[in-house]
Amino acid sequence: MEHARLLPGYLVQRYHGWKATGYAENKSWYRRLASDGQHPRAMVISCCDSRVHVTSIFGADQGEFFIHRNIANLVPPYEPDGDHHGTSAAVEYAVRFLKVSHVIVLGHSNCGGVKGCIDMCEGHAPELDAHDSFVGRWMDILRPRYDIVKDIDDRQEQTRQLEKHTVMISLENLMTFPWLKERVEEGELTLHGLWTDIGEGGLEHYNPQSDSFQPV
């Protein structure tokens, strides 16, 4: 691996600080986590965006959440075609093997993936439309929802609404996984859709009865 490099110095320094304090003060807890395995109650599917800090939002400890992150917190439909499916694999592991009780899809404000989807749909991002764009082909999952928001004149509101559609389409696609749908229908698993406003610290929950997001 000739292209691999040493860890940046600031990360080395932070690691040693954590090992001397955070780990040293909770050594027995970490050793129990290692020996007992993980037993998370919930899976959280969130965006890769570095500003979305799932554990901070919910004050979660290690071992509490099974977290999967991808561009724009999207879940593709069930497609057992033998190809590589990272998000589907994470959902399968959480639901079928860890047997989590909740699956939470967490969208957020100022999502770059959503903005890219809008640009692509409007013909302003040929690099995303290119066949070899991994981001563009991933955002094709959301692309059909652009028609719902395309007539919203205010760009900020348009983006915000499409951000919330990343959550709704992901919830719909989750229900195409037969073993997940079965657990939901048997009352063993619940699905939740959330959207967080990064700047304001707000959190909204999707209400399927009213088909709208409401403050938590």
N, C-alpha and C. Protein backbone atom coordinates (compact mmCIF):
# COMPACT_ATOMS: atom_id res chain seq x y z
N MET A 1 0.84 -1.20 0.00
CA MET A 1 0.00 0.00 0.00
C MET A 1 0.88 1.25 0.00
N GLU A 2 1.58 1.49 -1.11
CA GLU A 2 2.55 2.57 -1.17
C GLU A 2 1.92 3.96 -1.05
N HIS A 3 0.62 4.06 -1.32
CA HIS A 3 -0.04 5.37 -1.26
C HIS A 3 -0.52 5.73 0.14
N ALA A 4 -0.49 4.77 1.05
CA ALA A 4 -0.93 5.05 2.42
C ALA A 4 0.10 5.94 3.12
N ARG A 5 -0.39 6.80 3.99
CA ARG A 5 0.48 7.73 4.70
C ARG A 5 0.23 7.63 6.20
N LEU A 6 1.15 8.18 6.97
CA LEU A 6 0.98 8.20 8.41
C LEU A 6 -0.20 9.09 8.79
N LEU A 7 -0.83 8.77 9.89
CA LEU A 7 -1.97 9.55 10.38
C LEU A 7 -1.53 10.98 10.66
N PRO A 8 -2.35 11.99 10.29
CA PRO A 8 -2.00 13.38 10.57
C PRO A 8 -1.72 13.58 12.06
N GLY A 9 -0.78 14.45 12.35
CA GLY A 9 -0.33 14.66 13.73
C GLY A 9 -1.43 15.07 14.68
N TYR A 10 -2.37 15.91 14.22
CA TYR A 10 -3.42 16.37 15.13
C TYR A 10 -4.34 15.23 15.55
N LEU A 11 -4.51 14.23 14.65
CA LEU A 11 -5.34 13.08 15.01
C LEU A 11 -4.60 12.16 15.98
N VAL A 12 -3.30 12.01 15.79
CA VAL A 12 -2.50 11.22 16.72
C VAL A 12 -2.59 11.83 18.12
N GLN A 13 -2.47 13.15 18.17
CA GLN A 13 -2.52 13.85 19.46
C GLN A 13 -3.88 13.68 20.12
N ARG A 14 -4.94 13.79 19.34
CA ARG A 14 -6.29 13.63 19.91
C ARG A 14 -6.50 12.20 20.40
N TYR A 15 -5.97 11.23 19.64
CA TYR A 15 -6.12 9.84 20.07
C TYR A 15 -5.46 9.62 21.42
N HIS A 16 -4.24 10.08 21.57
CA HIS A 16 -3.54 9.87 22.84
C HIS A 16 -4.25 10.58 23.99
N GLY A 17 -4.87 11.73 23.69
CA GLY A 17 -5.63 12.43 24.72
C GLY A 17 -6.84 11.63 25.15
N TRP A 18 -7.53 11.03 24.15
CA TRP A 18 -8.70 10.20 24.47
C TRP A 18 -8.29 8.94 25.24
N LYS A 19 -7.21 8.31 24.81
CA LYS A 19 -6.78 7.07 25.46
C LYS A 19 -6.40 7.32 26.92
N ALA A 20 -5.83 8.50 27.20
CA ALA A 20 -5.39 8.82 28.56
C ALA A 20 -6.54 9.28 29.46
N THR A 21 -7.62 9.74 28.86
CA THR A 21 -8.74 10.25 29.66
C THR A 21 -10.02 9.46 29.42
N GLY A 22 -10.64 9.67 28.27
CA GLY A 22 -11.92 9.02 27.98
C GLY A 22 -11.89 7.52 28.12
N TYR A 23 -10.86 6.89 27.58
CA TYR A 23 -10.76 5.44 27.69
C TYR A 23 -10.34 5.01 29.09
N ALA A 24 -9.32 5.64 29.61
CA ALA A 24 -8.79 5.24 30.92
C ALA A 24 -9.84 5.34 32.01
N GLU A 25 -10.70 6.34 31.92
CA GLU A 25 -11.72 6.55 32.95
C GLU A 25 -12.92 5.61 32.78
N ASN A 26 -13.02 4.96 31.62
CA ASN A 26 -14.17 4.08 31.35
C ASN A 26 -13.72 2.74 30.79
N LYS A 27 -12.56 2.29 31.24
CA LYS A 27 -11.96 1.08 30.69
C LYS A 27 -12.86 -0.14 30.81
N SER A 28 -13.51 -0.30 31.95
CA SER A 28 -14.36 -1.48 32.15
C SER A 28 -15.56 -1.47 31.20
N TRP A 29 -16.08 -0.28 30.91
CA TRP A 29 -17.22 -0.15 29.99
C TRP A 29 -16.81 -0.56 28.58
N TYR A 30 -15.66 -0.10 28.12
CA TYR A 30 -15.19 -0.45 26.79
C TYR A 30 -14.91 -1.95 26.69
N ARG A 31 -14.34 -2.53 27.73
CA ARG A 31 -14.05 -3.95 27.70
C ARG A 31 -15.32 -4.79 27.70
N ARG A 32 -16.35 -4.29 28.37
CA ARG A 32 -17.62 -5.00 28.35
C ARG A 32 -18.27 -4.92 26.97
N LEU A 33 -18.17 -3.74 26.34
CA LEU A 33 -18.69 -3.59 24.98
C LEU A 33 -18.01 -4.58 24.04
N ALA A 34 -16.70 -4.72 24.20
CA ALA A 34 -15.94 -5.60 23.33
C ALA A 34 -16.30 -7.06 23.54
N SER A 35 -16.47 -7.46 24.80
CA SER A 35 -16.71 -8.87 25.11
C SER A 35 -18.17 -9.29 24.92
N ASP A 36 -19.09 -8.39 25.21
CA ASP A 36 -20.51 -8.73 25.13
C ASP A 36 -21.11 -8.54 23.75
N GLY A 37 -20.40 -7.85 22.86
CA GLY A 37 -20.95 -7.58 21.54
C GLY A 37 -21.89 -6.39 21.58
N GLN A 38 -22.41 -6.03 20.41
CA GLN A 38 -23.30 -4.86 20.35
C GLN A 38 -24.76 -5.28 20.38
N HIS A 39 -25.55 -4.46 21.07
CA HIS A 39 -26.99 -4.71 21.17
C HIS A 39 -27.74 -3.38 21.04
N PRO A 40 -27.58 -2.70 19.91
CA PRO A 40 -28.23 -1.40 19.74
C PRO A 40 -29.74 -1.54 19.65
N ARG A 41 -30.45 -0.57 20.19
CA ARG A 41 -31.91 -0.58 20.11
C ARG A 41 -32.41 0.02 18.80
N ALA A 42 -31.59 0.88 18.19
CA ALA A 42 -32.04 1.57 16.99
C ALA A 42 -30.95 1.66 15.94
N MET A 43 -31.37 1.66 14.70
CA MET A 43 -30.48 1.97 13.58
C MET A 43 -30.81 3.38 13.12
N VAL A 44 -29.77 4.18 12.87
CA VAL A 44 -29.96 5.53 12.36
C VAL A 44 -29.28 5.62 11.00
N ILE A 45 -30.04 6.02 9.99
CA ILE A 45 -29.50 6.24 8.65
C ILE A 45 -29.43 7.75 8.45
N SER A 46 -28.21 8.27 8.38
CA SER A 46 -28.04 9.71 8.28
C SER A 46 -27.10 10.05 7.13
N CYS A 47 -26.94 11.34 6.88
CA CYS A 47 -26.09 11.81 5.80
C CYS A 47 -24.63 11.76 6.22
N CYS A 48 -23.75 11.67 5.23
CA CYS A 48 -22.31 11.71 5.50
C CYS A 48 -21.85 13.09 5.97
N ASP A 49 -22.68 14.10 5.78
CA ASP A 49 -22.31 15.47 6.11
C ASP A 49 -21.68 15.55 7.50
N SER A 50 -20.50 16.15 7.58
CA SER A 50 -19.77 16.19 8.85
C SER A 50 -20.47 17.02 9.91
N ARG A 51 -21.45 17.83 9.50
CA ARG A 51 -22.17 18.68 10.46
C ARG A 51 -23.30 17.94 11.16
N VAL A 52 -23.64 16.77 10.66
CA VAL A 52 -24.72 15.98 11.27
C VAL A 52 -24.10 15.05 12.30
N HIS A 53 -24.31 15.35 13.58
CA HIS A 53 -23.68 14.59 14.67
C HIS A 53 -24.77 13.83 15.42
N VAL A 54 -25.05 12.63 14.94
CA VAL A 54 -26.17 11.84 15.44
C VAL A 54 -26.10 11.59 16.94
N THR A 55 -24.95 11.18 17.42
CA THR A 55 -24.85 10.84 18.84
C THR A 55 -25.01 12.07 19.74
N SER A 56 -24.58 13.23 19.26
CA SER A 56 -24.74 14.45 20.05
C SER A 56 -26.20 14.87 20.13
N ILE A 57 -26.92 14.76 19.03
CA ILE A 57 -28.33 15.16 18.99
C ILE A 57 -29.14 14.39 20.03
N PHE A 58 -28.85 13.10 20.16
CA PHE A 58 -29.64 12.25 21.06
C PHE A 58 -28.90 11.90 22.35
N GLY A 59 -27.71 12.46 22.54
CA GLY A 59 -26.95 12.17 23.75
C GLY A 59 -26.66 10.70 23.91
N ALA A 60 -26.32 10.03 22.81
CA ALA A 60 -26.16 8.58 22.82
C ALA A 60 -24.76 8.16 23.23
N ASP A 61 -24.68 7.01 23.91
CA ASP A 61 -23.40 6.42 24.27
C ASP A 61 -22.98 5.41 23.21
N GLN A 62 -21.74 4.99 23.27
CA GLN A 62 -21.28 3.94 22.36
C GLN A 62 -22.09 2.67 22.60
N GLY A 63 -22.41 2.00 21.51
CA GLY A 63 -23.16 0.76 21.60
C GLY A 63 -24.67 0.95 21.57
N GLU A 64 -25.13 2.22 21.56
CA GLU A 64 -26.58 2.47 21.62
C GLU A 64 -27.22 2.52 20.24
N PHE A 65 -26.51 3.11 19.26
CA PHE A 65 -27.04 3.24 17.90
C PHE A 65 -26.17 2.46 16.92
N PHE A 66 -26.84 1.82 15.96
CA PHE A 66 -26.16 1.25 14.80
C PHE A 66 -26.32 2.30 13.70
N ILE A 67 -25.24 2.98 13.35
CA ILE A 67 -25.33 4.15 12.47
C ILE A 67 -24.76 3.84 11.09
N HIS A 68 -25.56 4.16 10.07
CA HIS A 68 -25.11 4.06 8.69
C HIS A 68 -25.24 5.43 8.04
N ARG A 69 -24.16 5.88 7.37
CA ARG A 69 -24.17 7.19 6.75
C ARG A 69 -23.90 7.06 5.26
N ASN A 70 -24.63 7.84 4.48
CA ASN A 70 -24.38 7.89 3.04
C ASN A 70 -24.78 9.28 2.52
N ILE A 71 -24.60 9.50 1.24
CA ILE A 71 -24.96 10.79 0.66
C ILE A 71 -26.47 10.99 0.73
N ALA A 72 -26.90 12.05 1.42
CA ALA A 72 -28.31 12.45 1.51
C ALA A 72 -29.21 11.45 2.22
N ASN A 73 -28.62 10.62 3.09
CA ASN A 73 -29.39 9.67 3.91
C ASN A 73 -30.47 8.92 3.14
N LEU A 74 -30.11 8.44 1.95
CA LEU A 74 -31.09 7.75 1.10
C LEU A 74 -31.02 6.23 1.28
N VAL A 75 -32.18 5.61 1.16
CA VAL A 75 -32.26 4.14 1.14
C VAL A 75 -32.80 3.75 -0.24
N PRO A 76 -32.09 2.92 -0.97
CA PRO A 76 -32.57 2.46 -2.28
C PRO A 76 -33.66 1.41 -2.10
N PRO A 77 -34.41 1.12 -3.14
CA PRO A 77 -35.39 0.03 -3.04
C PRO A 77 -34.69 -1.32 -2.98
N TYR A 78 -35.41 -2.32 -2.56
CA TYR A 78 -34.91 -3.69 -2.44
C TYR A 78 -34.56 -4.22 -3.82
N GLU A 79 -33.28 -4.51 -4.05
CA GLU A 79 -32.82 -4.99 -5.36
C GLU A 79 -31.78 -6.11 -5.17
N PRO A 80 -32.23 -7.34 -4.95
CA PRO A 80 -31.29 -8.45 -4.75
C PRO A 80 -30.72 -8.95 -6.07
N ASP A 81 -29.87 -8.12 -6.71
CA ASP A 81 -29.35 -8.45 -8.03
C ASP A 81 -27.92 -8.97 -8.01
N GLY A 82 -27.37 -9.17 -6.82
CA GLY A 82 -26.02 -9.71 -6.74
C GLY A 82 -24.92 -8.67 -6.81
N ASP A 83 -25.29 -7.38 -6.97
CA ASP A 83 -24.29 -6.32 -7.02
C ASP A 83 -23.96 -5.83 -5.61
N HIS A 84 -23.09 -4.83 -5.54
CA HIS A 84 -22.69 -4.28 -4.25
C HIS A 84 -23.75 -3.28 -3.77
N HIS A 85 -24.25 -3.46 -2.56
CA HIS A 85 -25.27 -2.59 -2.00
C HIS A 85 -24.94 -2.31 -0.53
N GLY A 86 -24.14 -1.28 -0.29
CA GLY A 86 -23.69 -1.00 1.07
C GLY A 86 -24.81 -0.64 2.02
N THR A 87 -25.72 0.23 1.57
CA THR A 87 -26.81 0.66 2.45
C THR A 87 -27.77 -0.50 2.73
N SER A 88 -28.10 -1.25 1.69
CA SER A 88 -29.00 -2.39 1.87
C SER A 88 -28.37 -3.43 2.79
N ALA A 89 -27.05 -3.61 2.69
CA ALA A 89 -26.36 -4.56 3.57
C ALA A 89 -26.44 -4.10 5.02
N ALA A 90 -26.29 -2.79 5.24
CA ALA A 90 -26.36 -2.27 6.60
C ALA A 90 -27.77 -2.45 7.18
N VAL A 91 -28.79 -2.20 6.36
CA VAL A 91 -30.18 -2.39 6.80
C VAL A 91 -30.43 -3.85 7.13
N GLU A 92 -29.96 -4.75 6.26
CA GLU A 92 -30.14 -6.17 6.50
C GLU A 92 -29.49 -6.61 7.81
N TYR A 93 -28.27 -6.16 8.05
CA TYR A 93 -27.56 -6.56 9.25
C TYR A 93 -28.27 -6.05 10.50
N ALA A 94 -28.72 -4.79 10.46
CA ALA A 94 -29.39 -4.20 11.62
C ALA A 94 -30.72 -4.89 11.92
N VAL A 95 -31.49 -5.16 10.88
CA VAL A 95 -32.85 -5.69 11.07
C VAL A 95 -32.86 -7.20 11.29
N ARG A 96 -32.11 -7.92 10.49
CA ARG A 96 -32.19 -9.38 10.53
C ARG A 96 -31.26 -10.02 11.57
N PHE A 97 -30.14 -9.38 11.85
CA PHE A 97 -29.16 -9.99 12.74
C PHE A 97 -29.07 -9.29 14.09
N LEU A 98 -29.03 -7.96 14.08
CA LEU A 98 -29.02 -7.23 15.36
C LEU A 98 -30.42 -7.10 15.94
N LYS A 99 -31.44 -7.23 15.06
CA LYS A 99 -32.84 -7.16 15.47
C LYS A 99 -33.14 -5.86 16.24
N VAL A 100 -32.76 -4.74 15.64
CA VAL A 100 -33.06 -3.44 16.24
C VAL A 100 -34.58 -3.26 16.32
N SER A 101 -35.01 -2.43 17.25
CA SER A 101 -36.44 -2.18 17.42
C SER A 101 -36.93 -0.97 16.62
N HIS A 102 -35.99 -0.12 16.22
CA HIS A 102 -36.36 1.09 15.50
C HIS A 102 -35.36 1.36 14.37
N VAL A 103 -35.87 1.84 13.24
CA VAL A 103 -35.01 2.33 12.17
C VAL A 103 -35.38 3.80 11.95
N ILE A 104 -34.41 4.68 12.09
CA ILE A 104 -34.63 6.12 11.99
C ILE A 104 -33.88 6.66 10.78
N VAL A 105 -34.59 7.38 9.91
CA VAL A 105 -33.96 8.07 8.79
C VAL A 105 -33.88 9.54 9.16
N LEU A 106 -32.66 10.09 9.16
CA LEU A 106 -32.44 11.46 9.61
C LEU A 106 -31.93 12.33 8.48
N GLY A 107 -32.79 13.24 7.98
CA GLY A 107 -32.38 14.21 6.98
C GLY A 107 -31.92 15.49 7.66
N HIS A 108 -31.42 16.44 6.87
CA HIS A 108 -30.91 17.67 7.49
C HIS A 108 -30.95 18.84 6.53
N SER A 109 -30.81 20.04 7.09
CA SER A 109 -30.81 21.27 6.30
C SER A 109 -29.49 21.44 5.56
N ASN A 110 -29.52 22.25 4.51
CA ASN A 110 -28.31 22.58 3.74
C ASN A 110 -27.57 21.35 3.23
N CYS A 111 -28.33 20.38 2.75
CA CYS A 111 -27.74 19.13 2.28
C CYS A 111 -27.14 19.31 0.88
N GLY A 112 -25.85 19.09 0.76
CA GLY A 112 -25.18 19.25 -0.52
C GLY A 112 -25.66 18.26 -1.57
N GLY A 113 -25.99 17.05 -1.15
CA GLY A 113 -26.49 16.06 -2.09
C GLY A 113 -27.80 16.48 -2.70
N VAL A 114 -28.68 17.05 -1.90
CA VAL A 114 -29.98 17.51 -2.39
C VAL A 114 -29.80 18.69 -3.34
N LYS A 115 -28.92 19.61 -2.98
CA LYS A 115 -28.64 20.74 -3.87
C LYS A 115 -28.10 20.25 -5.20
N GLY A 116 -27.24 19.24 -5.15
CA GLY A 116 -26.71 18.66 -6.38
C GLY A 116 -27.78 18.01 -7.21
N CYS A 117 -28.75 17.38 -6.56
CA CYS A 117 -29.87 16.75 -7.28
C CYS A 117 -30.69 17.79 -8.01
N ILE A 118 -30.94 18.91 -7.35
CA ILE A 118 -31.70 20.00 -7.98
C ILE A 118 -30.94 20.53 -9.18
N ASP A 119 -29.66 20.78 -9.02
CA ASP A 119 -28.84 21.27 -10.14
C ASP A 119 -28.85 20.28 -11.29
N MET A 120 -28.76 19.00 -10.98
CA MET A 120 -28.76 17.97 -12.00
C MET A 120 -30.09 17.95 -12.75
N CYS A 121 -31.18 18.03 -12.00
CA CYS A 121 -32.51 18.00 -12.61
C CYS A 121 -32.77 19.24 -13.47
N GLU A 122 -32.12 20.34 -13.14
CA GLU A 122 -32.30 21.58 -13.90
C GLU A 122 -31.29 21.72 -15.03
N GLY A 123 -30.44 20.71 -15.20
CA GLY A 123 -29.47 20.72 -16.28
C GLY A 123 -28.24 21.56 -16.03
N HIS A 124 -27.98 21.87 -14.75
CA HIS A 124 -26.84 22.73 -14.40
C HIS A 124 -25.65 21.95 -13.85
N ALA A 125 -25.74 20.64 -13.87
CA ALA A 125 -24.65 19.82 -13.31
C ALA A 125 -24.36 18.63 -14.23
N PRO A 126 -23.79 18.90 -15.41
CA PRO A 126 -23.51 17.80 -16.35
C PRO A 126 -22.56 16.75 -15.77
N GLU A 127 -21.70 17.17 -14.82
CA GLU A 127 -20.77 16.21 -14.22
C GLU A 127 -21.52 15.16 -13.40
N LEU A 128 -22.67 15.56 -12.82
CA LEU A 128 -23.48 14.60 -12.06
C LEU A 128 -24.32 13.73 -12.99
N ASP A 129 -24.68 14.27 -14.13
CA ASP A 129 -25.47 13.51 -15.11
C ASP A 129 -24.63 12.47 -15.83
N ALA A 130 -23.32 12.63 -15.75
CA ALA A 130 -22.43 11.69 -16.44
C ALA A 130 -22.61 10.27 -15.91
N HIS A 131 -22.48 9.32 -16.81
CA HIS A 131 -22.70 7.91 -16.44
C HIS A 131 -21.77 7.45 -15.33
N ASP A 132 -20.55 8.02 -15.30
CA ASP A 132 -19.56 7.56 -14.33
C ASP A 132 -19.58 8.33 -13.01
N SER A 133 -20.62 9.13 -12.79
CA SER A 133 -20.73 9.86 -11.52
C SER A 133 -21.44 8.99 -10.49
N PHE A 134 -20.73 8.58 -9.47
CA PHE A 134 -21.34 7.78 -8.41
C PHE A 134 -22.38 8.60 -7.65
N VAL A 135 -22.07 9.87 -7.41
CA VAL A 135 -23.01 10.73 -6.69
C VAL A 135 -24.28 10.93 -7.51
N GLY A 136 -24.12 11.20 -8.81
CA GLY A 136 -25.28 11.42 -9.66
C GLY A 136 -26.20 10.22 -9.72
N ARG A 137 -25.60 9.04 -9.88
CA ARG A 137 -26.44 7.83 -9.98
C ARG A 137 -27.10 7.51 -8.63
N TRP A 138 -26.42 7.85 -7.53
CA TRP A 138 -27.03 7.66 -6.21
C TRP A 138 -28.20 8.61 -6.04
N MET A 139 -28.05 9.86 -6.50
CA MET A 139 -29.12 10.84 -6.36
C MET A 139 -30.30 10.55 -7.29
N ASP A 140 -30.11 9.62 -8.23
CA ASP A 140 -31.25 9.20 -9.07
C ASP A 140 -32.37 8.61 -8.22
N ILE A 141 -32.02 8.12 -7.02
CA ILE A 141 -33.04 7.60 -6.11
C ILE A 141 -34.05 8.71 -5.77
N LEU A 142 -33.54 9.91 -5.60
CA LEU A 142 -34.37 11.06 -5.21
C LEU A 142 -34.97 11.78 -6.41
N ARG A 143 -34.37 11.62 -7.55
CA ARG A 143 -34.71 12.42 -8.74
C ARG A 143 -36.21 12.50 -9.05
N PRO A 144 -36.98 11.42 -8.94
CA PRO A 144 -38.42 11.51 -9.24
C PRO A 144 -39.16 12.52 -8.36
N ARG A 145 -38.65 12.78 -7.16
CA ARG A 145 -39.33 13.70 -6.25
C ARG A 145 -39.12 15.17 -6.64
N TYR A 146 -38.18 15.43 -7.54
CA TYR A 146 -37.95 16.82 -7.96
C TYR A 146 -39.21 17.40 -8.60
N ASP A 147 -39.97 16.58 -9.31
CA ASP A 147 -41.20 17.07 -9.96
C ASP A 147 -42.19 17.64 -8.95
N ILE A 148 -42.13 17.15 -7.71
CA ILE A 148 -43.05 17.63 -6.68
C ILE A 148 -42.69 19.03 -6.21
N VAL A 149 -41.40 19.38 -6.26
CA VAL A 149 -40.95 20.66 -5.71
C VAL A 149 -40.49 21.65 -6.79
N LYS A 150 -40.50 21.25 -8.04
CA LYS A 150 -39.90 22.08 -9.09
C LYS A 150 -40.57 23.43 -9.28
N ASP A 151 -41.84 23.55 -8.89
CA ASP A 151 -42.55 24.82 -9.08
C ASP A 151 -42.47 25.74 -7.87
N ILE A 152 -41.72 25.36 -6.84
CA ILE A 152 -41.53 26.23 -5.67
C ILE A 152 -40.50 27.30 -6.04
N ASP A 153 -40.90 28.55 -6.03
CA ASP A 153 -40.03 29.64 -6.50
C ASP A 153 -38.87 29.93 -5.56
N ASP A 154 -39.13 29.85 -4.26
CA ASP A 154 -38.09 30.14 -3.28
C ASP A 154 -37.11 28.98 -3.22
N ARG A 155 -35.85 29.21 -3.62
CA ARG A 155 -34.88 28.13 -3.71
C ARG A 155 -34.60 27.48 -2.36
N GLN A 156 -34.54 28.29 -1.30
CA GLN A 156 -34.28 27.73 0.03
C GLN A 156 -35.41 26.80 0.46
N GLU A 157 -36.65 27.23 0.22
CA GLU A 157 -37.80 26.40 0.58
C GLU A 157 -37.87 25.16 -0.31
N GLN A 158 -37.55 25.32 -1.57
CA GLN A 158 -37.54 24.19 -2.49
C GLN A 158 -36.53 23.12 -2.03
N THR A 159 -35.35 23.58 -1.65
CA THR A 159 -34.32 22.66 -1.18
C THR A 159 -34.75 21.98 0.11
N ARG A 160 -35.34 22.77 1.00
CA ARG A 160 -35.78 22.21 2.29
C ARG A 160 -36.85 21.14 2.08
N GLN A 161 -37.77 21.39 1.18
CA GLN A 161 -38.82 20.40 0.93
C GLN A 161 -38.25 19.13 0.31
N LEU A 162 -37.27 19.28 -0.60
CA LEU A 162 -36.67 18.09 -1.21
C LEU A 162 -35.83 17.32 -0.19
N GLU A 163 -35.22 18.05 0.76
CA GLU A 163 -34.49 17.38 1.85
C GLU A 163 -35.42 16.48 2.63
N LYS A 164 -36.64 16.94 2.83
CA LYS A 164 -37.60 16.13 3.58
C LYS A 164 -38.09 14.95 2.75
N HIS A 165 -38.06 15.12 1.43
CA HIS A 165 -38.44 14.00 0.57
C HIS A 165 -37.38 12.89 0.59
N THR A 166 -36.12 13.23 0.93
CA THR A 166 -35.13 12.16 1.08
C THR A 166 -35.54 11.22 2.19
N VAL A 167 -36.16 11.77 3.22
CA VAL A 167 -36.62 10.96 4.35
C VAL A 167 -37.83 10.13 3.94
N MET A 168 -38.80 10.78 3.28
CA MET A 168 -40.04 10.08 2.92
C MET A 168 -39.80 8.96 1.91
N ILE A 169 -38.97 9.21 0.90
CA ILE A 169 -38.72 8.17 -0.09
C ILE A 169 -37.92 7.03 0.51
N SER A 170 -37.07 7.33 1.48
CA SER A 170 -36.29 6.28 2.15
C SER A 170 -37.20 5.41 3.00
N LEU A 171 -38.16 6.02 3.68
CA LEU A 171 -39.12 5.24 4.47
C LEU A 171 -39.94 4.32 3.56
N GLU A 172 -40.35 4.84 2.40
CA GLU A 172 -41.09 4.02 1.44
C GLU A 172 -40.24 2.86 0.94
N ASN A 173 -38.99 3.15 0.61
CA ASN A 173 -38.12 2.10 0.08
C ASN A 173 -37.78 1.05 1.13
N LEU A 174 -37.69 1.46 2.39
CA LEU A 174 -37.45 0.48 3.46
C LEU A 174 -38.53 -0.59 3.47
N MET A 175 -39.75 -0.18 3.20
CA MET A 175 -40.87 -1.13 3.24
C MET A 175 -40.89 -2.07 2.04
N THR A 176 -39.98 -1.89 1.08
CA THR A 176 -39.88 -2.85 -0.03
C THR A 176 -39.00 -4.04 0.34
N PHE A 177 -38.28 -3.95 1.48
CA PHE A 177 -37.49 -5.08 1.94
C PHE A 177 -38.43 -6.06 2.65
N PRO A 178 -38.65 -7.25 2.12
CA PRO A 178 -39.69 -8.14 2.64
C PRO A 178 -39.53 -8.49 4.12
N TRP A 179 -38.32 -8.79 4.57
CA TRP A 179 -38.11 -9.18 5.97
C TRP A 179 -38.24 -7.99 6.90
N LEU A 180 -38.00 -6.78 6.41
CA LEU A 180 -38.24 -5.59 7.23
C LEU A 180 -39.74 -5.30 7.33
N LYS A 181 -40.42 -5.39 6.19
CA LYS A 181 -41.87 -5.17 6.18
C LYS A 181 -42.58 -6.14 7.11
N GLU A 182 -42.11 -7.38 7.12
CA GLU A 182 -42.71 -8.41 7.97
C GLU A 182 -42.58 -8.04 9.45
N ARG A 183 -41.42 -7.56 9.85
CA ARG A 183 -41.21 -7.18 11.25
C ARG A 183 -42.04 -5.96 11.62
N VAL A 184 -42.19 -5.02 10.68
CA VAL A 184 -43.03 -3.85 10.94
C VAL A 184 -44.48 -4.28 11.15
N GLU A 185 -44.98 -5.13 10.26
CA GLU A 185 -46.37 -5.57 10.32
C GLU A 185 -46.64 -6.43 11.55
N GLU A 186 -45.61 -7.08 12.08
CA GLU A 186 -45.77 -7.89 13.29
C GLU A 186 -45.58 -7.07 14.56
N GLY A 187 -45.29 -5.78 14.40
CA GLY A 187 -45.13 -4.90 15.56
C GLY A 187 -43.80 -5.02 16.26
N GLU A 188 -42.82 -5.65 15.59
CA GLU A 188 -41.51 -5.84 16.20
C GLU A 188 -40.52 -4.73 15.82
N LEU A 189 -40.90 -3.89 14.86
CA LEU A 189 -40.01 -2.85 14.36
C LEU A 189 -40.83 -1.62 14.00
N THR A 190 -40.33 -0.44 14.34
CA THR A 190 -40.99 0.80 13.94
C THR A 190 -40.03 1.65 13.12
N LEU A 191 -40.59 2.37 12.15
CA LEU A 191 -39.81 3.26 11.29
C LEU A 191 -40.11 4.71 11.67
N HIS A 192 -39.08 5.54 11.62
CA HIS A 192 -39.23 6.95 11.99
C HIS A 192 -38.48 7.83 11.01
N GLY A 193 -39.09 8.95 10.64
CA GLY A 193 -38.45 9.92 9.76
C GLY A 193 -38.22 11.23 10.49
N LEU A 194 -36.99 11.73 10.46
CA LEU A 194 -36.65 12.98 11.13
C LEU A 194 -35.91 13.91 10.18
N TRP A 195 -36.01 15.20 10.44
CA TRP A 195 -35.25 16.21 9.71
C TRP A 195 -34.74 17.22 10.72
N THR A 196 -33.44 17.54 10.65
CA THR A 196 -32.87 18.46 11.61
C THR A 196 -32.36 19.72 10.93
N ASP A 197 -32.60 20.85 11.57
CA ASP A 197 -32.10 22.14 11.11
C ASP A 197 -30.76 22.37 11.80
N ILE A 198 -29.68 22.30 11.06
CA ILE A 198 -28.35 22.38 11.65
C ILE A 198 -28.13 23.71 12.37
N GLY A 199 -28.51 24.81 11.71
CA GLY A 199 -28.25 26.12 12.28
C GLY A 199 -29.06 26.45 13.50
N GLU A 200 -30.30 25.98 13.53
CA GLU A 200 -31.21 26.31 14.63
C GLU A 200 -31.29 25.21 15.69
N GLY A 201 -30.72 24.05 15.39
CA GLY A 201 -30.81 22.94 16.35
C GLY A 201 -32.20 22.35 16.44
N GLY A 202 -33.02 22.60 15.42
CA GLY A 202 -34.39 22.09 15.43
C GLY A 202 -34.46 20.64 14.97
N LEU A 203 -35.52 19.97 15.37
CA LEU A 203 -35.75 18.58 14.97
C LEU A 203 -37.23 18.40 14.67
N GLU A 204 -37.52 17.86 13.49
CA GLU A 204 -38.91 17.62 13.08
C GLU A 204 -39.11 16.14 12.80
N HIS A 205 -40.30 15.67 13.15
CA HIS A 205 -40.67 14.26 13.00
C HIS A 205 -41.73 14.12 11.93
N TYR A 206 -41.56 13.15 11.03
CA TYR A 206 -42.54 12.94 9.97
C TYR A 206 -43.78 12.23 10.51
N ASN A 207 -44.94 12.83 10.26
CA ASN A 207 -46.22 12.25 10.68
C ASN A 207 -46.92 11.69 9.44
N PRO A 208 -46.97 10.37 9.29
CA PRO A 208 -47.58 9.79 8.09
C PRO A 208 -49.08 10.06 7.97
N GLN A 209 -49.74 10.28 9.11
CA GLN A 209 -51.17 10.55 9.06
C GLN A 209 -51.46 11.88 8.35
N SER A 210 -50.67 12.90 8.66
CA SER A 210 -50.86 14.21 8.05
C SER A 210 -49.93 14.43 6.87
N ASP A 211 -49.02 13.46 6.62
CA ASP A 211 -48.03 13.56 5.55
C ASP A 211 -47.26 14.87 5.67
N SER A 212 -46.82 15.17 6.88
CA SER A 212 -46.10 16.41 7.11
C SER A 212 -45.08 16.24 8.24
N PHE A 213 -44.15 17.17 8.32
CA PHE A 213 -43.15 17.17 9.39
C PHE A 213 -43.57 18.12 10.48
N GLN A 214 -43.45 17.68 11.72
CA GLN A 214 -43.87 18.49 12.86
C GLN A 214 -42.74 18.57 13.88
N PRO A 215 -42.60 19.70 14.56
CA PRO A 215 -41.52 19.86 15.56
C PRO A 215 -41.60 18.80 16.65
N VAL A 216 -40.43 18.32 17.06
CA VAL A 216 -40.36 17.34 18.15
C VAL A 216 -40.45 18.08 19.46
